[in-house]
Amino acid sequence: MTSLLFTSQKKKIIMAKKSNKFNLWVSIVLILVGCVLACSSIISNDYLKLVVVLASLGYGLYGIMKALSTSEEADVVNK
């Protein structure tokens, strides 16, 4: 019974790590897209450009912090 519970918990941790890695890459790509939009002339309005860049940087950094903190928690549980 205990080994069955341990294996199911281990599978959840592995799936969470894969999901966190994907979310980490999405956050990094979002930050890069925000920086490209800030430096290009696709958006002509400077204030709108600023809002888009700040939103993408904020959400991207939040996603990176969340993905990294969750992977650390999974490592602690795994030990």
Protein backbone atom coordinates (compact mmCIF):
# COMPACT_ATOMS: atom_id res chain seq x y z
CA MET A 1 0.00 0.00 0.00
CA THR A 2 2.78 2.43 0.92
CA SER A 3 4.80 1.65 -2.20
CA LEU A 4 1.74 2.24 -4.37
CA LEU A 5 1.17 5.60 -2.74
CA PHE A 6 4.85 6.50 -3.15
CA THR A 7 4.90 5.61 -6.86
CA SER A 8 1.77 7.63 -7.58
CA GLN A 9 3.26 10.60 -5.73
CA LYS A 10 6.51 10.20 -7.67
CA LYS A 11 4.59 10.22 -10.98
CA LYS A 12 2.85 13.44 -9.96
CA ILE A 13 6.19 15.07 -9.18
CA ILE A 14 7.64 14.03 -12.54
CA MET A 15 4.58 15.37 -14.37
CA ALA A 16 4.81 18.62 -12.39
CA LYS A 17 8.47 19.02 -13.36
CA LYS A 18 7.62 18.62 -17.06
CA SER A 19 4.79 21.13 -16.74
CA ASN A 20 7.04 23.57 -14.89
CA LYS A 21 9.70 23.31 -17.58
CA PHE A 22 7.11 24.12 -20.25
CA ASN A 23 5.75 27.06 -18.22
CA LEU A 24 9.30 28.33 -17.71
CA TRP A 25 9.94 28.35 -21.46
CA VAL A 26 6.61 30.07 -22.14
CA SER A 27 7.52 32.79 -19.64
CA ILE A 28 10.93 33.32 -21.24
CA VAL A 29 9.42 33.54 -24.73
CA LEU A 30 6.81 36.00 -23.45
CA ILE A 31 9.53 38.26 -22.05
CA LEU A 32 11.44 38.13 -25.35
CA VAL A 33 8.31 38.96 -27.35
CA GLY A 34 7.64 41.92 -25.05
CA CYS A 35 11.16 43.23 -25.56
CA VAL A 36 10.88 42.84 -29.34
CA LEU A 37 7.60 44.75 -29.32
CA ALA A 38 9.22 47.50 -27.27
CA CYS A 39 12.12 47.92 -29.69
CA SER A 40 10.17 47.62 -32.93
CA SER A 41 7.78 50.00 -34.59
CA ILE A 42 4.89 47.53 -34.71
CA ILE A 43 3.11 49.47 -31.97
CA SER A 44 3.25 53.18 -32.78
CA ASN A 45 1.79 54.56 -29.55
CA ASP A 46 4.52 54.90 -26.90
CA TYR A 47 2.19 54.56 -23.94
CA LEU A 48 0.58 51.42 -25.32
CA LYS A 49 4.06 50.07 -25.99
CA LEU A 50 5.00 50.73 -22.37
CA VAL A 51 1.89 48.97 -21.05
CA VAL A 52 2.49 45.92 -23.28
CA VAL A 53 6.14 45.67 -22.24
CA LEU A 54 5.44 46.08 -18.54
CA ALA A 55 2.64 43.51 -18.65
CA SER A 56 4.74 40.95 -20.51
CA LEU A 57 7.75 41.49 -18.24
CA GLY A 58 5.63 41.28 -15.09
CA TYR A 59 3.78 38.15 -16.13
CA GLY A 60 6.95 36.54 -17.50
CA LEU A 61 8.98 37.17 -14.35
CA TYR A 62 6.09 35.94 -12.20
CA GLY A 63 5.94 32.76 -14.29
CA ILE A 64 9.69 32.19 -13.95
CA MET A 65 9.60 32.70 -10.19
CA LYS A 66 6.60 30.39 -9.84
CA ALA A 67 8.18 27.65 -11.98
CA LEU A 68 11.48 27.80 -10.12
CA SER A 69 9.91 27.82 -6.67
CA THR A 70 7.68 24.86 -7.51
CA SER A 71 10.64 22.83 -8.78
CA GLU A 72 12.50 23.51 -5.52
CA GLU A 73 9.48 22.31 -3.52
CA ALA A 74 9.33 19.13 -5.61
CA ASP A 75 13.04 18.49 -4.90
CA VAL A 76 12.44 18.84 -1.16
CA VAL A 77 9.51 16.42 -1.30
CA ASN A 78 11.54 14.00 -3.43
CA LYS A 79 14.29 13.75 -0.81
